[in-house]
N, C-alpha and C. Protein backbone atom coordinates (compact mmCIF):
# COMPACT_ATOMS: atom_id res chain seq x y z
N ILE A 1 -13.78 -44.93 -46.57
CA ILE A 1 -15.24 -44.76 -46.29
C ILE A 1 -15.46 -44.94 -44.86
N GLN A 2 -16.33 -44.07 -44.31
CA GLN A 2 -16.71 -44.11 -42.88
C GLN A 2 -18.19 -44.41 -42.88
N ALA A 3 -18.60 -45.16 -41.76
CA ALA A 3 -19.96 -45.48 -41.51
C ALA A 3 -20.54 -44.65 -40.37
N MET A 4 -21.66 -43.97 -40.62
CA MET A 4 -22.31 -43.23 -39.61
C MET A 4 -23.59 -43.87 -39.22
N ALA A 5 -23.75 -44.10 -37.94
CA ALA A 5 -24.94 -44.74 -37.30
C ALA A 5 -26.04 -43.75 -37.10
N TYR A 6 -27.24 -44.23 -37.36
CA TYR A 6 -28.47 -43.48 -36.99
C TYR A 6 -29.28 -44.40 -36.19
N ASP A 7 -29.52 -44.06 -34.94
CA ASP A 7 -30.29 -44.82 -34.03
C ASP A 7 -31.79 -44.34 -34.01
N ASN A 8 -32.65 -45.23 -34.31
CA ASN A 8 -34.05 -44.80 -34.23
C ASN A 8 -34.83 -45.65 -33.21
N PRO A 9 -35.46 -45.03 -32.26
CA PRO A 9 -36.23 -45.76 -31.30
C PRO A 9 -37.54 -46.19 -31.87
N ILE A 10 -37.87 -47.50 -31.76
CA ILE A 10 -39.07 -48.06 -32.20
C ILE A 10 -39.94 -48.48 -31.04
N PRO A 11 -41.07 -47.80 -30.77
CA PRO A 11 -41.96 -48.10 -29.65
C PRO A 11 -42.67 -49.42 -29.95
N GLY A 12 -42.88 -50.27 -28.91
CA GLY A 12 -43.62 -51.44 -28.97
C GLY A 12 -45.07 -51.22 -28.83
N PHE A 13 -45.83 -52.09 -29.35
CA PHE A 13 -47.26 -51.97 -29.32
C PHE A 13 -47.89 -52.31 -27.90
N ASP A 14 -48.59 -51.50 -27.34
CA ASP A 14 -49.26 -51.63 -26.06
C ASP A 14 -48.28 -52.00 -24.94
N THR A 15 -47.10 -51.35 -25.04
CA THR A 15 -46.17 -51.57 -23.96
C THR A 15 -45.33 -50.29 -23.76
N TYR A 16 -44.55 -50.28 -22.72
CA TYR A 16 -43.68 -49.07 -22.49
C TYR A 16 -42.27 -49.24 -23.03
N ASN A 17 -42.03 -50.42 -23.51
CA ASN A 17 -40.70 -50.72 -24.01
C ASN A 17 -40.52 -50.14 -25.50
N THR A 18 -39.24 -49.82 -25.69
CA THR A 18 -38.82 -49.37 -27.03
C THR A 18 -37.54 -50.20 -27.50
N ASN A 19 -37.48 -50.51 -28.73
CA ASN A 19 -36.26 -51.10 -29.24
C ASN A 19 -35.55 -50.11 -30.11
N ASN A 20 -34.25 -50.33 -30.27
CA ASN A 20 -33.46 -49.39 -31.01
C ASN A 20 -33.15 -50.04 -32.43
N LEU A 21 -33.45 -49.32 -33.42
CA LEU A 21 -33.17 -49.79 -34.84
C LEU A 21 -32.00 -48.88 -35.32
N ARG A 22 -30.90 -49.63 -35.56
CA ARG A 22 -29.64 -48.86 -35.99
C ARG A 22 -29.55 -48.98 -37.53
N LEU A 23 -29.56 -47.81 -38.25
CA LEU A 23 -29.39 -47.71 -39.67
C LEU A 23 -27.91 -47.11 -39.89
N TRP A 24 -27.33 -47.40 -41.08
CA TRP A 24 -26.05 -46.97 -41.39
C TRP A 24 -26.06 -46.18 -42.67
N ARG A 25 -25.21 -45.20 -42.66
CA ARG A 25 -24.97 -44.36 -43.91
C ARG A 25 -23.53 -44.31 -44.08
N SER A 26 -23.13 -44.54 -45.39
CA SER A 26 -21.70 -44.46 -45.69
C SER A 26 -21.30 -43.07 -46.13
N LEU A 27 -20.21 -42.59 -45.57
CA LEU A 27 -19.67 -41.25 -45.85
C LEU A 27 -18.32 -41.41 -46.42
N PRO A 28 -17.93 -40.50 -47.26
CA PRO A 28 -16.50 -40.55 -47.70
C PRO A 28 -15.54 -40.05 -46.75
N SER A 29 -14.29 -40.53 -46.82
CA SER A 29 -13.34 -40.06 -45.91
C SER A 29 -12.96 -38.61 -46.13
N GLU A 30 -13.05 -38.24 -47.46
CA GLU A 30 -12.71 -36.90 -47.90
C GLU A 30 -13.96 -36.37 -48.71
N GLU A 31 -14.64 -35.39 -48.24
CA GLU A 31 -15.82 -34.90 -48.84
C GLU A 31 -15.60 -34.33 -50.20
N PHE A 32 -14.58 -33.55 -50.39
CA PHE A 32 -14.41 -32.79 -51.61
C PHE A 32 -12.93 -32.62 -51.94
N ASP A 33 -12.57 -32.88 -53.18
CA ASP A 33 -11.22 -32.79 -53.61
C ASP A 33 -10.90 -31.48 -54.29
N PHE A 34 -10.35 -30.60 -53.51
CA PHE A 34 -10.11 -29.24 -54.04
C PHE A 34 -9.13 -29.16 -55.14
N ASP A 35 -8.12 -29.94 -55.10
CA ASP A 35 -7.16 -30.04 -56.15
C ASP A 35 -7.76 -30.35 -57.53
N SER A 36 -8.60 -31.37 -57.58
CA SER A 36 -9.29 -31.66 -58.82
C SER A 36 -10.24 -30.58 -59.26
N PHE A 37 -10.94 -29.97 -58.29
CA PHE A 37 -11.86 -28.89 -58.59
C PHE A 37 -11.14 -27.71 -59.20
N ASN A 38 -9.99 -27.38 -58.63
CA ASN A 38 -9.20 -26.22 -59.08
C ASN A 38 -8.62 -26.47 -60.49
N GLU A 39 -8.44 -27.78 -60.91
CA GLU A 39 -8.00 -28.12 -62.20
C GLU A 39 -9.10 -28.37 -63.13
N SER A 40 -10.32 -27.90 -62.87
CA SER A 40 -11.52 -27.96 -63.66
C SER A 40 -11.96 -29.38 -63.87
N ARG A 41 -11.61 -30.28 -63.02
CA ARG A 41 -12.16 -31.73 -63.09
C ARG A 41 -13.23 -31.81 -62.08
N TYR A 42 -14.40 -31.28 -62.44
CA TYR A 42 -15.52 -31.15 -61.42
C TYR A 42 -16.14 -32.47 -60.97
N THR A 43 -16.31 -33.39 -61.90
CA THR A 43 -16.89 -34.66 -61.59
C THR A 43 -15.93 -35.47 -60.69
N GLU A 44 -14.65 -35.41 -60.96
CA GLU A 44 -13.68 -36.14 -60.14
C GLU A 44 -13.66 -35.58 -58.67
N ALA A 45 -13.97 -34.25 -58.54
CA ALA A 45 -13.90 -33.68 -57.26
C ALA A 45 -14.93 -34.19 -56.28
N VAL A 46 -16.02 -34.74 -56.79
CA VAL A 46 -17.02 -35.26 -55.94
C VAL A 46 -17.23 -36.83 -56.17
N GLU A 47 -16.31 -37.38 -56.82
CA GLU A 47 -16.30 -38.87 -57.13
C GLU A 47 -16.37 -39.69 -55.81
N ALA A 48 -15.57 -39.40 -54.89
CA ALA A 48 -15.52 -40.20 -53.61
C ALA A 48 -16.89 -40.16 -52.84
N ARG A 49 -17.53 -38.96 -52.91
CA ARG A 49 -18.80 -38.86 -52.26
C ARG A 49 -19.91 -39.61 -53.00
N ARG A 50 -19.88 -39.71 -54.32
CA ARG A 50 -20.79 -40.39 -55.09
C ARG A 50 -20.66 -41.90 -54.75
N ARG A 51 -19.40 -42.38 -54.83
CA ARG A 51 -19.20 -43.81 -54.55
C ARG A 51 -19.65 -44.22 -53.13
N ALA A 52 -19.43 -43.39 -52.21
CA ALA A 52 -19.82 -43.68 -50.80
C ALA A 52 -21.39 -43.65 -50.72
N ASP A 53 -22.02 -42.73 -51.39
CA ASP A 53 -23.48 -42.71 -51.39
C ASP A 53 -24.15 -43.93 -52.06
N ASP A 54 -23.41 -44.48 -53.02
CA ASP A 54 -23.91 -45.58 -53.74
C ASP A 54 -24.03 -46.82 -52.82
N LEU A 55 -23.18 -46.94 -51.83
CA LEU A 55 -23.23 -48.05 -50.91
C LEU A 55 -24.49 -48.12 -50.03
N SER A 56 -24.96 -46.99 -49.58
CA SER A 56 -26.10 -46.94 -48.70
C SER A 56 -27.35 -46.37 -49.20
N ALA A 57 -27.33 -46.02 -50.59
CA ALA A 57 -28.52 -45.37 -51.12
C ALA A 57 -29.71 -46.31 -51.25
N VAL A 58 -29.41 -47.51 -51.80
CA VAL A 58 -30.52 -48.52 -52.05
C VAL A 58 -30.09 -49.82 -51.35
N LEU A 59 -30.90 -50.29 -50.46
CA LEU A 59 -30.65 -51.50 -49.77
C LEU A 59 -31.19 -52.69 -50.67
N TYR A 60 -30.50 -53.78 -50.74
CA TYR A 60 -30.80 -54.95 -51.59
C TYR A 60 -30.91 -54.62 -53.08
N PRO A 61 -29.84 -54.19 -53.73
CA PRO A 61 -30.02 -53.89 -55.15
C PRO A 61 -30.21 -55.19 -55.96
N ASN A 62 -30.66 -55.09 -57.18
CA ASN A 62 -30.91 -56.20 -57.97
C ASN A 62 -29.52 -56.84 -58.36
N ASP A 63 -29.37 -58.14 -58.07
CA ASP A 63 -28.19 -58.79 -58.23
C ASP A 63 -28.15 -59.74 -59.37
N ASP A 64 -28.96 -59.53 -60.43
CA ASP A 64 -28.98 -60.34 -61.56
C ASP A 64 -27.66 -60.25 -62.37
N LYS A 65 -27.06 -59.06 -62.38
CA LYS A 65 -25.91 -58.79 -63.21
C LYS A 65 -24.68 -58.67 -62.17
N TRP A 66 -23.56 -58.76 -62.76
CA TRP A 66 -22.22 -58.67 -62.05
C TRP A 66 -22.15 -57.40 -61.15
N GLU A 67 -22.50 -56.25 -61.67
CA GLU A 67 -22.42 -55.02 -60.98
C GLU A 67 -23.30 -55.06 -59.66
N GLY A 68 -24.49 -55.63 -59.85
CA GLY A 68 -25.42 -55.72 -58.66
C GLY A 68 -24.87 -56.63 -57.61
N LYS A 69 -24.20 -57.71 -58.01
CA LYS A 69 -23.62 -58.67 -57.07
C LYS A 69 -22.42 -57.98 -56.33
N MET A 70 -21.61 -57.22 -57.06
CA MET A 70 -20.46 -56.58 -56.38
C MET A 70 -20.96 -55.41 -55.43
N LEU A 71 -22.04 -54.69 -55.83
CA LEU A 71 -22.57 -53.68 -54.90
C LEU A 71 -23.15 -54.39 -53.68
N ARG A 72 -23.85 -55.43 -53.82
CA ARG A 72 -24.37 -56.12 -52.63
C ARG A 72 -23.26 -56.61 -51.73
N LEU A 73 -22.19 -57.17 -52.30
CA LEU A 73 -21.06 -57.63 -51.49
C LEU A 73 -20.41 -56.46 -50.73
N LYS A 74 -20.27 -55.36 -51.45
CA LYS A 74 -19.66 -54.20 -50.83
C LYS A 74 -20.50 -53.73 -49.65
N GLN A 75 -21.89 -53.70 -49.89
CA GLN A 75 -22.85 -53.29 -48.86
C GLN A 75 -22.66 -54.16 -47.61
N GLN A 76 -22.69 -55.50 -47.84
CA GLN A 76 -22.63 -56.45 -46.76
C GLN A 76 -21.35 -56.23 -45.94
N TYR A 77 -20.25 -56.01 -46.65
CA TYR A 77 -18.96 -55.91 -46.01
C TYR A 77 -19.05 -54.59 -45.13
N MET A 78 -19.51 -53.51 -45.74
CA MET A 78 -19.56 -52.30 -44.96
C MET A 78 -20.46 -52.38 -43.71
N PHE A 79 -21.62 -52.97 -43.87
CA PHE A 79 -22.59 -53.09 -42.78
C PHE A 79 -22.04 -53.99 -41.66
N VAL A 80 -21.41 -55.07 -42.00
CA VAL A 80 -20.86 -55.95 -41.02
C VAL A 80 -19.65 -55.30 -40.30
N CYS A 81 -18.77 -54.68 -41.10
CA CYS A 81 -17.64 -54.01 -40.39
C CYS A 81 -18.12 -52.91 -39.47
N ALA A 82 -19.13 -52.15 -39.91
CA ALA A 82 -19.57 -51.02 -39.14
C ALA A 82 -20.30 -51.57 -37.92
N SER A 83 -20.90 -52.74 -37.88
CA SER A 83 -21.56 -53.20 -36.73
C SER A 83 -20.74 -53.87 -35.71
N LEU A 84 -19.51 -54.22 -36.26
CA LEU A 84 -18.57 -54.83 -35.24
C LEU A 84 -17.86 -53.72 -34.54
């Protein structure tokens, strides 16, 4: 998985200063698996992209269940590693 940064300038109120807000999007290292697609396994061909999109689609998922806790942990790990 790769992290892509999006920098958004945020202007201050009644000032000439702006701050930079950096947002992250997760991208798969391989967009499309042609071998799986050619073997008629269409959902597996885009599985890496779907898993990467799950990381940055919703910030702060509900963590009442185990899956939510795992997703939040993966998000935190990705955002920290991308920021370093």
